Amino acid sequence: MHHTLATRFGRNSHQISGREALDNEALYRHVPSIFAREAHDSRSDRYVYVPTIEIVEGLRREGWFPFFAVQAVPRDGSRHGHAKHMLRLRRDDGIGKPEAAEVIIVNSHDGTSAYQMFAGVLRFVCTNSMIAGERFEEVRVPHKGGIQDQIIEGVYTVAEDFPRLIEATETMKDTRLSEGEQRVLAEA
C-alpha cells in the first residue's frame, strides 16, 4: 500500500539531520517549535496542548531517537515558535543507514496540523526533506483530551507493522526486471 505524506516543508524550512541521534540542544537551534511552551494564542480553550519535546522524551525512553527534524517557516512571524514540524525517529541501530524502519511525527502548535504518525521503510531522497518509501500504518491524534498516552500508543500501533514492512522491502529489492519491464515501469 502506498501513501503520500500529507504535508510539505518549503525550501526555506529549517532542518537538521545527523548520523547519530540528535540531542535537545541541536534540535532547539534548528527546530525551536518542538520546544514551544504553550499553544499559539490563536488557539481556543478546547485545544489541548502537549509539547512535542515531551513526546520526543517519552519515545527516547522507549528506544526511539530523532535523527532528522524540519520546521516550516510561516509567513506570520508570530507563529514561528509554534510552526508545523516533523521528526523522523529510528531505533538506535537504524540511525545512519540510508533506509530503515522509521516512525515519523508531524505536529504544530498553531493549529495547522494534528499529530500525525506513520511507520514505513523510508529512504531519504534529497536535501529538501523528500521521503520515498512504503507506509503501512498511520495514526492521527487531534489536539483534544489526554493525548500524550495516545501519541505514544500510536507509535507502537504503527511500529507493529515493521516486520511486514521489512519483509516487503527485502522482497522488492530481490525482484529483478528485464530491460523492457524497466522501461514500462519508468513510463508508468
N, C-alpha and C. Protein backbone atom coordinates (compact mmCIF):
# COMPACT_ATOMS: atom_id res chain seq x y z
N MET A 1 0.85 -1.17 0.00
CA MET A 1 0.00 0.00 0.00
C MET A 1 0.90 1.23 0.00
N HIS A 2 0.59 2.19 -0.86
CA HIS A 2 1.40 3.40 -0.95
C HIS A 2 0.58 4.60 -0.50
N HIS A 3 1.16 5.43 0.33
CA HIS A 3 0.51 6.64 0.82
C HIS A 3 1.42 7.82 0.51
N THR A 4 0.85 8.98 0.48
CA THR A 4 1.63 10.19 0.30
C THR A 4 1.59 10.99 1.59
N LEU A 5 2.73 11.48 2.01
CA LEU A 5 2.80 12.32 3.20
C LEU A 5 2.02 13.59 2.93
N ALA A 6 1.03 13.85 3.77
CA ALA A 6 0.12 14.97 3.55
C ALA A 6 0.64 16.25 4.18
N THR A 7 1.88 16.55 3.97
CA THR A 7 2.45 17.78 4.48
C THR A 7 3.66 18.14 3.64
N ARG A 8 3.96 19.42 3.60
CA ARG A 8 5.10 19.89 2.83
C ARG A 8 5.89 20.89 3.66
N PHE A 9 7.17 20.93 3.40
CA PHE A 9 8.04 21.91 4.01
C PHE A 9 8.82 22.55 2.87
N GLY A 10 8.70 23.86 2.73
CA GLY A 10 9.34 24.57 1.63
C GLY A 10 10.84 24.63 1.76
N ARG A 11 11.46 25.18 0.73
CA ARG A 11 12.92 25.22 0.76
C ARG A 11 13.46 26.20 1.78
N ASN A 12 12.62 27.07 2.31
CA ASN A 12 13.06 27.98 3.38
C ASN A 12 12.92 27.36 4.76
N SER A 13 12.55 26.11 4.82
CA SER A 13 12.36 25.46 6.12
C SER A 13 13.70 25.31 6.85
N HIS A 14 13.60 25.19 8.16
CA HIS A 14 14.78 24.94 8.99
C HIS A 14 14.85 23.44 9.22
N GLN A 15 16.01 22.85 9.01
CA GLN A 15 16.12 21.41 9.22
C GLN A 15 17.49 21.03 9.74
N ILE A 16 17.53 19.85 10.34
CA ILE A 16 18.78 19.28 10.84
C ILE A 16 18.68 17.77 10.73
N SER A 17 19.79 17.16 10.38
CA SER A 17 19.85 15.70 10.37
C SER A 17 21.23 15.28 10.85
N GLY A 18 21.30 14.07 11.33
CA GLY A 18 22.56 13.59 11.86
C GLY A 18 22.75 12.11 11.63
N ARG A 19 23.99 11.68 11.62
CA ARG A 19 24.29 10.26 11.50
C ARG A 19 24.14 9.58 12.86
N GLU A 20 24.02 10.41 13.91
CA GLU A 20 23.75 9.92 15.25
C GLU A 20 22.50 10.62 15.76
N ALA A 21 21.95 10.13 16.85
CA ALA A 21 20.74 10.74 17.41
C ALA A 21 20.98 12.21 17.72
N LEU A 22 19.96 13.02 17.45
CA LEU A 22 20.05 14.46 17.72
C LEU A 22 19.71 14.74 19.18
N ASP A 23 20.51 15.58 19.82
CA ASP A 23 20.21 15.95 21.20
C ASP A 23 19.33 17.20 21.22
N ASN A 24 18.84 17.55 22.40
CA ASN A 24 17.92 18.68 22.52
C ASN A 24 18.55 20.00 22.10
N GLU A 25 19.82 20.18 22.38
CA GLU A 25 20.49 21.43 22.00
C GLU A 25 20.46 21.63 20.49
N ALA A 26 20.80 20.59 19.75
CA ALA A 26 20.78 20.68 18.28
C ALA A 26 19.36 20.88 17.76
N LEU A 27 18.40 20.16 18.34
CA LEU A 27 17.00 20.33 17.93
C LEU A 27 16.54 21.76 18.18
N TYR A 28 16.87 22.31 19.33
CA TYR A 28 16.42 23.66 19.69
C TYR A 28 16.99 24.72 18.74
N ARG A 29 18.25 24.56 18.38
CA ARG A 29 18.89 25.53 17.47
C ARG A 29 18.20 25.58 16.11
N HIS A 30 17.76 24.44 15.61
CA HIS A 30 17.25 24.37 14.24
C HIS A 30 15.73 24.26 14.13
N VAL A 31 15.08 23.68 15.12
CA VAL A 31 13.64 23.42 15.06
C VAL A 31 13.01 23.81 16.41
N PRO A 32 13.00 25.11 16.71
CA PRO A 32 12.56 25.54 18.04
C PRO A 32 11.09 25.29 18.35
N SER A 33 10.25 25.11 17.35
CA SER A 33 8.82 24.90 17.64
C SER A 33 8.57 23.60 18.38
N ILE A 34 9.50 22.67 18.33
CA ILE A 34 9.38 21.42 19.10
C ILE A 34 9.32 21.75 20.60
N PHE A 35 9.93 22.85 21.00
CA PHE A 35 10.04 23.23 22.41
C PHE A 35 9.03 24.29 22.84
N ALA A 36 8.04 24.59 22.02
CA ALA A 36 7.06 25.63 22.37
C ALA A 36 6.49 25.33 23.76
N ARG A 37 6.33 26.37 24.58
CA ARG A 37 5.85 26.19 25.96
C ARG A 37 4.34 26.28 26.07
N GLU A 38 3.70 26.76 25.02
CA GLU A 38 2.25 26.87 25.02
C GLU A 38 1.77 26.92 23.57
N ALA A 39 0.49 26.71 23.39
CA ALA A 39 -0.10 26.80 22.06
C ALA A 39 -0.08 28.25 21.59
N HIS A 40 -0.10 28.44 20.30
CA HIS A 40 -0.18 29.79 19.74
C HIS A 40 -1.45 30.46 20.26
N ASP A 41 -1.41 31.76 20.47
CA ASP A 41 -2.55 32.45 21.07
C ASP A 41 -3.80 32.47 20.18
N SER A 42 -3.70 31.97 18.97
CA SER A 42 -4.88 31.86 18.11
C SER A 42 -5.75 30.64 18.45
N ARG A 43 -5.25 29.74 19.30
CA ARG A 43 -5.97 28.51 19.64
C ARG A 43 -7.01 28.78 20.73
N SER A 44 -8.13 28.05 20.66
CA SER A 44 -9.21 28.22 21.64
C SER A 44 -8.92 27.40 22.90
N ASP A 45 -9.78 27.54 23.90
CA ASP A 45 -9.64 26.79 25.15
C ASP A 45 -9.82 25.29 24.95
N ARG A 46 -10.50 24.89 23.88
CA ARG A 46 -10.72 23.45 23.63
C ARG A 46 -9.46 22.76 23.11
N TYR A 47 -8.53 23.52 22.61
CA TYR A 47 -7.30 22.97 22.06
C TYR A 47 -6.45 22.42 23.19
N VAL A 48 -6.05 21.16 23.09
CA VAL A 48 -5.19 20.55 24.11
C VAL A 48 -3.75 20.62 23.61
N TYR A 49 -2.94 21.27 24.40
CA TYR A 49 -1.54 21.47 24.05
C TYR A 49 -0.66 20.45 24.77
N VAL A 50 0.14 19.75 24.02
CA VAL A 50 1.17 18.88 24.59
C VAL A 50 2.46 19.19 23.84
N PRO A 51 3.50 19.63 24.54
CA PRO A 51 4.75 19.96 23.86
C PRO A 51 5.34 18.75 23.15
N THR A 52 5.73 18.95 21.92
CA THR A 52 6.34 17.87 21.15
C THR A 52 7.55 17.30 21.87
N ILE A 53 8.32 18.14 22.55
CA ILE A 53 9.52 17.65 23.22
C ILE A 53 9.18 16.61 24.28
N GLU A 54 8.01 16.71 24.92
CA GLU A 54 7.61 15.69 25.89
C GLU A 54 7.40 14.34 25.20
N ILE A 55 6.84 14.37 24.01
CA ILE A 55 6.64 13.14 23.24
C ILE A 55 8.00 12.57 22.84
N VAL A 56 8.90 13.45 22.38
CA VAL A 56 10.24 13.00 21.99
C VAL A 56 10.95 12.36 23.18
N GLU A 57 10.85 12.98 24.36
CA GLU A 57 11.50 12.41 25.56
C GLU A 57 10.89 11.05 25.91
N GLY A 58 9.57 10.93 25.82
CA GLY A 58 8.93 9.65 26.08
C GLY A 58 9.38 8.58 25.10
N LEU A 59 9.52 8.95 23.84
CA LEU A 59 9.96 7.98 22.83
C LEU A 59 11.43 7.62 23.01
N ARG A 60 12.25 8.57 23.43
CA ARG A 60 13.65 8.25 23.72
C ARG A 60 13.74 7.18 24.81
N ARG A 61 12.90 7.31 25.83
CA ARG A 61 12.90 6.31 26.90
C ARG A 61 12.49 4.93 26.37
N GLU A 62 11.74 4.91 25.27
CA GLU A 62 11.30 3.65 24.68
C GLU A 62 12.24 3.17 23.57
N GLY A 63 13.37 3.87 23.38
CA GLY A 63 14.36 3.42 22.41
C GLY A 63 14.25 4.03 21.02
N TRP A 64 13.43 5.06 20.84
CA TRP A 64 13.29 5.75 19.55
C TRP A 64 14.03 7.07 19.65
N PHE A 65 14.86 7.38 18.63
CA PHE A 65 15.69 8.57 18.68
C PHE A 65 15.52 9.41 17.42
N PRO A 66 15.40 10.73 17.58
CA PRO A 66 15.28 11.59 16.40
C PRO A 66 16.64 11.71 15.71
N PHE A 67 16.63 11.62 14.39
CA PHE A 67 17.85 11.84 13.64
C PHE A 67 17.62 12.87 12.54
N PHE A 68 16.38 13.28 12.36
CA PHE A 68 16.05 14.30 11.37
C PHE A 68 14.88 15.12 11.90
N ALA A 69 14.94 16.43 11.73
CA ALA A 69 13.84 17.31 12.13
C ALA A 69 13.78 18.48 11.16
N VAL A 70 12.57 18.93 10.88
CA VAL A 70 12.37 20.06 9.98
C VAL A 70 11.22 20.90 10.52
N GLN A 71 11.30 22.21 10.31
CA GLN A 71 10.26 23.13 10.76
C GLN A 71 9.93 24.08 9.62
N ALA A 72 8.64 24.31 9.39
CA ALA A 72 8.20 25.28 8.39
C ALA A 72 8.54 26.69 8.85
N VAL A 73 8.68 27.57 7.89
CA VAL A 73 8.88 28.98 8.18
C VAL A 73 7.59 29.69 7.78
N PRO A 74 6.73 30.02 8.76
CA PRO A 74 5.44 30.63 8.43
C PRO A 74 5.59 32.08 7.98
N ARG A 75 4.64 32.52 7.18
CA ARG A 75 4.64 33.92 6.74
C ARG A 75 4.40 34.86 7.91
N ASP A 76 3.53 34.44 8.82
CA ASP A 76 3.21 35.22 10.02
C ASP A 76 4.30 34.95 11.06
N GLY A 77 5.15 35.92 11.31
CA GLY A 77 6.27 35.75 12.23
C GLY A 77 5.88 35.34 13.63
N SER A 78 4.65 35.67 14.06
CA SER A 78 4.22 35.31 15.42
C SER A 78 4.04 33.81 15.57
N ARG A 79 3.97 33.09 14.46
CA ARG A 79 3.77 31.63 14.51
C ARG A 79 5.09 30.86 14.46
N HIS A 80 6.20 31.55 14.34
CA HIS A 80 7.49 30.86 14.16
C HIS A 80 7.77 29.83 15.25
N GLY A 81 7.59 30.18 16.49
CA GLY A 81 7.86 29.26 17.58
C GLY A 81 6.79 28.21 17.79
N HIS A 82 5.77 28.20 16.92
CA HIS A 82 4.67 27.24 17.03
C HIS A 82 4.42 26.52 15.71
N ALA A 83 5.28 26.72 14.74
CA ALA A 83 5.07 26.26 13.37
C ALA A 83 5.06 24.74 13.24
N LYS A 84 4.52 24.30 12.12
CA LYS A 84 4.47 22.87 11.81
C LYS A 84 5.90 22.31 11.75
N HIS A 85 6.07 21.12 12.30
CA HIS A 85 7.37 20.48 12.32
C HIS A 85 7.22 18.98 12.13
N MET A 86 8.30 18.36 11.72
CA MET A 86 8.32 16.92 11.50
C MET A 86 9.60 16.34 12.09
N LEU A 87 9.46 15.20 12.74
CA LEU A 87 10.62 14.47 13.26
C LEU A 87 10.60 13.06 12.69
N ARG A 88 11.76 12.58 12.32
CA ARG A 88 11.90 11.19 11.90
C ARG A 88 12.70 10.48 13.00
N LEU A 89 12.15 9.37 13.51
CA LEU A 89 12.77 8.63 14.61
C LEU A 89 13.08 7.21 14.17
N ARG A 90 14.21 6.72 14.61
CA ARG A 90 14.62 5.34 14.37
C ARG A 90 15.11 4.75 15.67
N ARG A 91 15.13 3.44 15.71
CA ARG A 91 15.80 2.76 16.81
C ARG A 91 17.29 3.04 16.66
N ASP A 92 18.04 2.90 17.72
CA ASP A 92 19.47 3.19 17.72
C ASP A 92 20.21 2.51 16.58
N ASP A 93 19.87 1.26 16.27
CA ASP A 93 20.60 0.52 15.24
C ASP A 93 20.23 0.94 13.82
N GLY A 94 19.24 1.81 13.65
CA GLY A 94 18.84 2.25 12.32
C GLY A 94 19.38 3.61 11.92
N ILE A 95 19.97 4.33 12.86
CA ILE A 95 20.46 5.68 12.57
C ILE A 95 21.73 5.58 11.73
N GLY A 96 21.82 6.42 10.71
CA GLY A 96 22.98 6.44 9.84
C GLY A 96 22.83 5.58 8.61
N LYS A 97 21.78 4.80 8.52
CA LYS A 97 21.54 3.97 7.34
C LYS A 97 20.69 4.76 6.35
N PRO A 98 20.88 4.52 5.03
CA PRO A 98 20.09 5.28 4.05
C PRO A 98 18.62 4.91 4.04
N GLU A 99 18.29 3.72 4.53
CA GLU A 99 16.88 3.33 4.64
C GLU A 99 16.72 2.51 5.91
N ALA A 100 15.57 2.65 6.51
CA ALA A 100 15.32 1.93 7.75
C ALA A 100 13.85 2.05 8.10
N ALA A 101 13.42 1.20 9.02
CA ALA A 101 12.07 1.32 9.56
C ALA A 101 12.06 2.56 10.45
N GLU A 102 11.08 3.42 10.23
CA GLU A 102 11.01 4.69 10.94
C GLU A 102 9.60 4.97 11.43
N VAL A 103 9.54 5.82 12.43
CA VAL A 103 8.29 6.46 12.83
C VAL A 103 8.48 7.94 12.53
N ILE A 104 7.50 8.52 11.84
CA ILE A 104 7.54 9.94 11.53
C ILE A 104 6.41 10.62 12.28
N ILE A 105 6.72 11.72 12.92
CA ILE A 105 5.73 12.50 13.65
C ILE A 105 5.67 13.89 13.03
N VAL A 106 4.46 14.34 12.72
CA VAL A 106 4.23 15.70 12.24
C VAL A 106 3.30 16.36 13.25
N ASN A 107 3.60 17.60 13.61
CA ASN A 107 2.76 18.32 14.57
C ASN A 107 2.95 19.82 14.37
N SER A 108 2.07 20.58 14.98
CA SER A 108 2.24 22.03 15.08
C SER A 108 1.59 22.46 16.38
N HIS A 109 1.88 23.68 16.80
CA HIS A 109 1.25 24.24 17.99
C HIS A 109 0.44 25.48 17.64
N ASP A 110 0.17 25.63 16.34
CA ASP A 110 -0.62 26.78 15.88
C ASP A 110 -1.89 26.35 15.15
N GLY A 111 -2.24 25.08 15.25
CA GLY A 111 -3.48 24.60 14.65
C GLY A 111 -3.36 24.19 13.19
N THR A 112 -2.17 24.25 12.61
CA THR A 112 -2.03 23.88 11.20
C THR A 112 -1.86 22.39 10.98
N SER A 113 -1.75 21.61 12.06
CA SER A 113 -1.60 20.16 11.92
C SER A 113 -2.00 19.45 13.20
N ALA A 114 -2.72 18.34 13.05
CA ALA A 114 -2.91 17.42 14.16
C ALA A 114 -1.61 16.63 14.30
N TYR A 115 -1.45 15.89 15.41
CA TYR A 115 -0.34 14.95 15.46
C TYR A 115 -0.61 13.91 14.39
N GLN A 116 0.36 13.66 13.54
CA GLN A 116 0.28 12.59 12.56
C GLN A 116 1.48 11.69 12.80
N MET A 117 1.24 10.41 12.79
CA MET A 117 2.32 9.45 12.95
C MET A 117 2.16 8.37 11.92
N PHE A 118 3.24 7.94 11.33
CA PHE A 118 3.16 6.79 10.47
C PHE A 118 4.47 6.04 10.47
N ALA A 119 4.37 4.78 10.15
CA ALA A 119 5.54 3.91 10.08
C ALA A 119 5.82 3.60 8.63
N GLY A 120 7.06 3.35 8.34
CA GLY A 120 7.39 2.97 6.98
C GLY A 120 8.85 2.61 6.87
N VAL A 121 9.16 1.94 5.78
CA VAL A 121 10.55 1.75 5.42
C VAL A 121 10.82 2.88 4.46
N LEU A 122 11.59 3.82 4.89
CA LEU A 122 11.73 5.07 4.18
C LEU A 122 13.17 5.32 3.79
N ARG A 123 13.31 6.09 2.74
CA ARG A 123 14.64 6.44 2.24
C ARG A 123 14.68 7.96 2.07
N PHE A 124 15.74 8.56 2.59
CA PHE A 124 15.93 10.00 2.41
C PHE A 124 16.38 10.21 0.98
N VAL A 125 15.61 10.98 0.19
CA VAL A 125 15.87 11.11 -1.23
C VAL A 125 16.77 12.29 -1.55
N CYS A 126 16.49 13.44 -0.96
CA CYS A 126 17.30 14.61 -1.28
C CYS A 126 17.22 15.62 -0.14
N THR A 127 17.90 16.74 -0.30
CA THR A 127 18.03 17.70 0.80
C THR A 127 16.80 18.55 1.06
N ASN A 128 15.73 18.38 0.29
CA ASN A 128 14.53 19.19 0.55
C ASN A 128 13.51 18.45 1.39
N SER A 129 13.94 17.45 2.12
CA SER A 129 13.10 16.68 3.05
C SER A 129 12.20 15.68 2.35
N MET A 130 12.41 15.41 1.08
CA MET A 130 11.58 14.44 0.38
C MET A 130 11.86 13.05 0.91
N ILE A 131 10.79 12.28 1.09
CA ILE A 131 10.88 10.93 1.60
C ILE A 131 10.23 10.00 0.59
N ALA A 132 10.86 8.88 0.31
CA ALA A 132 10.25 7.89 -0.58
C ALA A 132 10.18 6.58 0.17
N GLY A 133 9.14 5.83 -0.09
CA GLY A 133 9.03 4.52 0.54
C GLY A 133 7.60 4.10 0.71
N GLU A 134 7.42 3.01 1.39
CA GLU A 134 6.10 2.46 1.64
C GLU A 134 5.69 2.74 3.07
N ARG A 135 4.48 3.23 3.22
CA ARG A 135 3.89 3.43 4.54
C ARG A 135 2.78 2.42 4.69
N PHE A 136 2.70 1.82 5.85
CA PHE A 136 1.71 0.78 6.05
C PHE A 136 0.68 1.12 7.12
N GLU A 137 1.01 1.92 8.04
CA GLU A 137 0.10 2.21 9.15
C GLU A 137 0.21 3.69 9.47
N GLU A 138 -0.94 4.30 9.75
CA GLU A 138 -0.95 5.73 10.06
C GLU A 138 -1.93 5.98 11.19
N VAL A 139 -1.56 6.90 12.08
CA VAL A 139 -2.43 7.29 13.19
C VAL A 139 -2.45 8.81 13.24
N ARG A 140 -3.64 9.38 13.38
CA ARG A 140 -3.80 10.82 13.58
C ARG A 140 -4.44 11.04 14.93
N VAL A 141 -3.91 11.98 15.69
CA VAL A 141 -4.45 12.28 17.02
C VAL A 141 -4.77 13.77 17.07
N PRO A 142 -6.06 14.13 17.16
CA PRO A 142 -6.40 15.55 17.26
C PRO A 142 -6.00 16.11 18.63
N HIS A 143 -5.85 17.39 18.69
CA HIS A 143 -5.45 18.06 19.94
C HIS A 143 -6.64 18.19 20.88
N LYS A 144 -7.14 17.05 21.37
CA LYS A 144 -8.29 17.01 22.28
C LYS A 144 -8.05 15.94 23.33
N GLY A 145 -8.40 16.21 24.57
CA GLY A 145 -8.30 15.22 25.64
C GLY A 145 -6.87 14.92 26.04
N GLY A 146 -6.66 13.81 26.79
CA GLY A 146 -5.33 13.40 27.24
C GLY A 146 -4.62 12.69 26.12
N ILE A 147 -3.82 13.43 25.36
CA ILE A 147 -3.30 12.86 24.12
C ILE A 147 -1.88 12.30 24.19
N GLN A 148 -1.11 12.60 25.23
CA GLN A 148 0.27 12.11 25.25
C GLN A 148 0.31 10.59 25.22
N ASP A 149 -0.50 9.92 26.04
CA ASP A 149 -0.52 8.46 26.02
C ASP A 149 -1.01 7.93 24.68
N GLN A 150 -2.00 8.62 24.08
CA GLN A 150 -2.49 8.21 22.76
C GLN A 150 -1.39 8.30 21.72
N ILE A 151 -0.55 9.32 21.84
CA ILE A 151 0.52 9.52 20.87
C ILE A 151 1.56 8.41 21.00
N ILE A 152 1.99 8.11 22.21
CA ILE A 152 2.98 7.04 22.39
C ILE A 152 2.37 5.70 21.99
N GLU A 153 1.12 5.45 22.34
CA GLU A 153 0.44 4.23 21.91
C GLU A 153 0.36 4.18 20.39
N GLY A 154 0.15 5.34 19.77
CA GLY A 154 0.10 5.41 18.31
C GLY A 154 1.40 4.98 17.67
N VAL A 155 2.52 5.34 18.29
CA VAL A 155 3.81 4.92 17.77
C VAL A 155 3.91 3.40 17.79
N TYR A 156 3.46 2.79 18.88
CA TYR A 156 3.52 1.33 18.94
C TYR A 156 2.55 0.69 17.96
N THR A 157 1.41 1.33 17.72
CA THR A 157 0.47 0.81 16.73
C THR A 157 1.10 0.80 15.35
N VAL A 158 1.75 1.90 14.98
CA VAL A 158 2.37 1.92 13.66
C VAL A 158 3.60 1.03 13.61
N ALA A 159 4.32 0.90 14.72
CA ALA A 159 5.53 0.08 14.74
C ALA A 159 5.25 -1.41 14.66
N GLU A 160 4.04 -1.84 15.02
CA GLU A 160 3.71 -3.26 14.94
C GLU A 160 3.84 -3.79 13.52
N ASP A 161 3.74 -2.92 12.53
CA ASP A 161 3.80 -3.32 11.13
C ASP A 161 5.24 -3.46 10.62
N PHE A 162 6.25 -3.14 11.42
CA PHE A 162 7.62 -3.15 10.93
C PHE A 162 8.07 -4.50 10.35
N PRO A 163 7.78 -5.64 10.98
CA PRO A 163 8.24 -6.90 10.37
C PRO A 163 7.70 -7.08 8.95
N ARG A 164 6.44 -6.74 8.73
CA ARG A 164 5.86 -6.87 7.39
C ARG A 164 6.49 -5.86 6.42
N LEU A 165 6.78 -4.65 6.91
CA LEU A 165 7.43 -3.65 6.09
C LEU A 165 8.80 -4.12 5.62
N ILE A 166 9.57 -4.63 6.54
CA ILE A 166 10.93 -5.07 6.22
C ILE A 166 10.89 -6.24 5.24
N GLU A 167 9.98 -7.18 5.47
CA GLU A 167 9.85 -8.32 4.55
C GLU A 167 9.47 -7.85 3.15
N ALA A 168 8.52 -6.93 3.05
CA ALA A 168 8.10 -6.41 1.74
C ALA A 168 9.25 -5.69 1.05
N THR A 169 10.03 -4.93 1.80
CA THR A 169 11.17 -4.22 1.23
C THR A 169 12.21 -5.19 0.69
N GLU A 170 12.52 -6.21 1.45
CA GLU A 170 13.50 -7.20 1.00
C GLU A 170 13.02 -7.93 -0.25
N THR A 171 11.73 -8.25 -0.30
CA THR A 171 11.17 -8.90 -1.49
C THR A 171 11.32 -8.00 -2.71
N MET A 172 11.02 -6.71 -2.54
CA MET A 172 11.15 -5.77 -3.66
C MET A 172 12.60 -5.63 -4.10
N LYS A 173 13.53 -5.61 -3.17
CA LYS A 173 14.94 -5.50 -3.52
C LYS A 173 15.42 -6.70 -4.33
N ASP A 174 14.85 -7.88 -4.04
CA ASP A 174 15.26 -9.10 -4.73
C ASP A 174 14.62 -9.26 -6.10
N THR A 175 13.65 -8.44 -6.43
CA THR A 175 12.95 -8.55 -7.71
C THR A 175 13.81 -7.94 -8.81
N ARG A 176 14.07 -8.72 -9.85
CA ARG A 176 14.86 -8.26 -10.99
C ARG A 176 13.93 -8.06 -12.18
N LEU A 177 14.09 -6.94 -12.86
CA LEU A 177 13.27 -6.62 -14.02
C LEU A 177 14.12 -6.66 -15.29
N SER A 178 13.51 -7.14 -16.37
CA SER A 178 14.19 -7.10 -17.66
C SER A 178 14.24 -5.64 -18.13
N GLU A 179 15.02 -5.38 -19.17
CA GLU A 179 15.12 -4.02 -19.69
C GLU A 179 13.76 -3.51 -20.14
N GLY A 180 12.98 -4.35 -20.77
CA GLY A 180 11.64 -3.95 -21.22
C GLY A 180 10.72 -3.64 -20.04
N GLU A 181 10.78 -4.45 -18.99
CA GLU A 181 9.98 -4.21 -17.80
C GLU A 181 10.40 -2.90 -17.12
N GLN A 182 11.70 -2.63 -17.12
CA GLN A 182 12.19 -1.39 -16.53
C GLN A 182 11.65 -0.18 -17.28
N ARG A 183 11.61 -0.27 -18.63
CA ARG A 183 11.08 0.82 -19.44
C ARG A 183 9.60 1.06 -19.15
N VAL A 184 8.83 -0.03 -19.08
CA VAL A 184 7.40 0.08 -18.80
C VAL A 184 7.18 0.72 -17.43
N LEU A 185 7.95 0.29 -16.44
CA LEU A 185 7.83 0.85 -15.10
C LEU A 185 8.19 2.34 -15.09
N ALA A 186 9.24 2.71 -15.80
CA ALA A 186 9.68 4.11 -15.84
C ALA A 186 8.64 5.00 -16.50
N GLU A 187 7.90 4.47 -17.46
CA GLU A 187 6.90 5.26 -18.18
C GLU A 187 5.56 5.28 -17.47
N ALA A 188 5.38 4.44 -16.48
CA ALA A 188 4.08 4.36 -15.79
C ALA A 188 3.83 5.57 -14.92
